[in-house]
C-alpha atoms as a PDB file:
ATOM      1  CA  MET A   1      -1.673  -7.287 -35.140  1.00  0.00           C
ATOM      2  CA  ASN A   2      -5.790  -6.593 -34.756  1.00  0.00           C
ATOM      3  CA  GLY A   3      -5.994  -7.411 -31.412  1.00  0.00           C
ATOM      4  CA  VAL A   4      -6.153 -10.970 -29.422  1.00  0.00           C
ATOM      5  CA  GLN A   5      -8.442 -13.536 -28.859  1.00  0.00           C
ATOM      6  CA  ILE A   6      -8.239 -15.432 -25.766  1.00  0.00           C
ATOM      7  CA  SER A   7     -10.024 -18.548 -25.476  1.00  0.00           C
ATOM      8  CA  TRP A   8     -10.202 -21.312 -22.201  1.00  0.00           C
ATOM      9  CA  LYS A   9     -12.142 -24.589 -22.137  1.00  0.00           C
ATOM     10  CA  ASP A  10     -12.035 -27.131 -18.777  1.00  0.00           C
ATOM     11  CA  VAL A  11     -10.265 -24.654 -17.335  1.00  0.00           C
ATOM     12  CA  VAL A  12      -9.566 -26.022 -13.289  1.00  0.00           C
ATOM     13  CA  VAL A  13      -7.775 -24.504 -10.566  1.00  0.00           C
ATOM     14  CA  GLY A  14      -6.970 -25.770  -7.144  1.00  0.00           C
ATOM     15  CA  THR A  15      -4.714 -25.200  -4.284  1.00  0.00           C
ATOM     16  CA  LYS A  16      -1.795 -27.675  -3.802  1.00  0.00           C
ATOM     17  CA  ALA A  17      -2.193 -30.182  -1.462  1.00  0.00           C
ATOM     18  CA  GLY A  18       0.134 -29.871   1.877  1.00  0.00           C
ATOM     19  CA  LYS A  19       1.576 -31.945   4.610  1.00  0.00           C
ATOM     20  CA  LYS A  20      -0.908 -30.273   6.778  1.00  0.00           C
ATOM     21  CA  THR A  21      -3.935 -29.502   4.163  1.00  0.00           C
ATOM     22  CA  GLU A  22      -5.788 -31.063   1.605  1.00  0.00           C
ATOM     23  CA  SER A  23      -5.785 -29.379  -2.247  1.00  0.00           C
ATOM     24  CA  LYS A  24      -9.305 -27.213  -2.375  1.00  0.00           C
ATOM     25  CA  GLN A  25     -10.529 -26.508  -5.565  1.00  0.00           C
ATOM     26  CA  ILE A  26     -10.974 -23.074  -6.981  1.00  0.00           C
ATOM     27  CA  LEU A  27     -12.111 -22.738 -10.374  1.00  0.00           C
ATOM     28  CA  HIS A  28     -14.275 -25.777 -11.814  1.00  0.00           C
ATOM     29  CA  GLY A  29     -14.816 -26.676 -15.406  1.00  0.00           C
ATOM     30  CA  ILE A  30     -14.669 -22.716 -16.903  1.00  0.00           C
ATOM     31  CA  ASP A  31     -15.382 -22.478 -20.669  1.00  0.00           C
ATOM     32  CA  GLY A  32     -15.143 -19.081 -22.902  1.00  0.00           C
ATOM     33  CA  TYR A  33     -13.500 -16.565 -24.942  1.00  0.00           C
ATOM     34  CA  THR A  34     -13.076 -12.888 -26.022  1.00  0.00           C
ATOM     35  CA  LYS A  35     -12.985 -11.259 -29.272  1.00  0.00           C
ATOM     36  CA  PRO A  36     -10.795  -8.630 -29.877  1.00  0.00           C
ATOM     37  CA  GLY A  37     -12.032  -4.895 -29.377  1.00  0.00           C
ATOM     38  CA  THR A  38     -14.435  -6.022 -26.845  1.00  0.00           C
ATOM     39  CA  LEU A  39     -14.925  -5.586 -23.309  1.00  0.00           C
ATOM     40  CA  LEU A  40     -15.418  -8.465 -20.749  1.00  0.00           C
ATOM     41  CA  ALA A  41     -16.911  -8.214 -17.058  1.00  0.00           C
ATOM     42  CA  ILE A  42     -15.869 -10.203 -14.781  1.00  0.00           C
ATOM     43  CA  MET A  43     -18.749 -10.609 -11.654  1.00  0.00           C
ATOM     44  CA  GLY A  44     -19.194 -12.235  -8.629  1.00  0.00           C
ATOM     45  CA  SER A  45     -19.348 -11.912  -4.772  1.00  0.00           C
ATOM     46  CA  SER A  46     -16.549 -11.691  -2.472  1.00  0.00           C
ATOM     47  CA  GLY A  47     -14.446 -14.872  -2.662  1.00  0.00           C
ATOM     48  CA  ALA A  48     -15.593 -16.430  -5.828  1.00  0.00           C
ATOM     49  CA  GLY A  49     -12.415 -16.654  -7.925  1.00  0.00           C
ATOM     50  CA  LYS A  50     -12.651 -13.372  -9.918  1.00  0.00           C
ATOM     51  CA  THR A  51      -8.668 -12.504  -9.276  1.00  0.00           C
ATOM     52  CA  THR A  52      -7.690 -16.053  -9.645  1.00  0.00           C
ATOM     53  CA  PHE A  53      -9.604 -16.727 -12.596  1.00  0.00           C
ATOM     54  CA  MET A  54      -7.885 -13.507 -14.136  1.00  0.00           C
ATOM     55  CA  ASN A  55      -4.438 -14.718 -12.607  1.00  0.00           C
ATOM     56  CA  THR A  56      -4.858 -17.446 -14.481  1.00  0.00           C
ATOM     57  CA  LEU A  57      -5.737 -16.329 -17.840  1.00  0.00           C
ATOM     58  CA  ALA A  58      -2.588 -13.625 -17.647  1.00  0.00           C
ATOM     59  CA  ARG A  59      -0.399 -16.926 -16.470  1.00  0.00           C
ATOM     60  CA  ARG A  60       0.696 -14.819 -13.143  1.00  0.00           C
ATOM     61  CA  ASN A  61       0.932 -15.357  -9.558  1.00  0.00           C
ATOM     62  CA  LEU A  62       0.280 -19.304  -9.860  1.00  0.00           C
ATOM     63  CA  ALA A  63       2.661 -20.288  -6.828  1.00  0.00           C
ATOM     64  CA  GLY A  64       0.578 -22.692  -4.891  1.00  0.00           C
ATOM     65  CA  LEU A  65      -1.998 -23.442  -7.209  1.00  0.00           C
ATOM     66  CA  GLU A  66      -2.442 -26.573  -9.542  1.00  0.00           C
ATOM     67  CA  VAL A  67      -3.817 -25.135 -13.231  1.00  0.00           C
ATOM     68  CA  GLU A  68      -5.478 -27.599 -15.610  1.00  0.00           C
ATOM     69  CA  GLY A  69      -7.141 -26.952 -19.092  1.00  0.00           C
ATOM     70  CA  GLU A  70      -6.534 -25.051 -22.162  1.00  0.00           C
ATOM     71  CA  ILE A  71      -5.964 -21.065 -22.431  1.00  0.00           C
ATOM     72  CA  ASN A  72      -4.959 -20.435 -25.954  1.00  0.00           C
ATOM     73  CA  LEU A  73      -4.051 -16.558 -27.207  1.00  0.00           C
ATOM     74  CA  ASN A  74      -4.991 -16.535 -31.085  1.00  0.00           C
ATOM     75  CA  GLY A  75      -5.593 -20.267 -31.305  1.00  0.00           C
ATOM     76  CA  ILE A  76      -1.741 -20.501 -29.834  1.00  0.00           C
ATOM     77  CA  PRO A  77      -1.961 -22.321 -26.322  1.00  0.00           C
ATOM     78  CA  SER A  78      -0.824 -19.972 -23.898  1.00  0.00           C
ATOM     79  CA  SER A  79       2.651 -19.343 -21.853  1.00  0.00           C
ATOM     80  CA  PRO A  80       3.567 -16.606 -19.388  1.00  0.00           C
ATOM     81  CA  GLU A  81       6.184 -15.393 -22.310  1.00  0.00           C
ATOM     82  CA  ASN A  82       3.948 -15.183 -25.493  1.00  0.00           C
ATOM     83  CA  MET A  83       1.156 -14.156 -22.753  1.00  0.00           C
ATOM     84  CA  GLN A  84       3.846 -11.197 -22.293  1.00  0.00           C
ATOM     85  CA  LYS A  85       5.136 -10.372 -25.564  1.00  0.00           C
ATOM     86  CA  LEU A  86       1.316 -10.085 -26.981  1.00  0.00           C
ATOM     87  CA  SER A  87       0.248  -7.854 -23.966  1.00  0.00           C
ATOM     88  CA  GLY A  88       3.272  -5.768 -24.514  1.00  0.00           C
ATOM     89  CA  GLU A  89       2.854  -5.677 -28.625  1.00  0.00           C
ATOM     90  CA  THR A  90      -0.839  -5.268 -28.065  1.00  0.00           C
ATOM     91  CA  LEU A  91      -0.693  -1.984 -25.581  1.00  0.00           C
ATOM     92  CA  PHE A  92       2.393  -0.383 -27.627  1.00  0.00           C
ATOM     93  CA  PHE A  93       2.104  -1.236 -30.795  1.00  0.00           C
ATOM     94  CA  ASN A  94      -1.661  -0.455 -31.880  1.00  0.00           C
END
């Protein structure tokens, strides 16, 4: 494997509405991609959603959140299982 391209299209992340709370949108229709072998910087002020964005791409720590949109790994829809598999292969076998 020569690396992984991650692409995302119209990603929207929000909190789930509770009995006493309304839902709140955290990320609003984000599009982009990374190419294998490149570095991507995520910049923004405190509370801008950087950690939420990274967790969404990694499919981790999403309890209490609703995620919409497309996230693909080498053109294949992302899931927690294939993200973990590709991450392990990329880190340990390249």
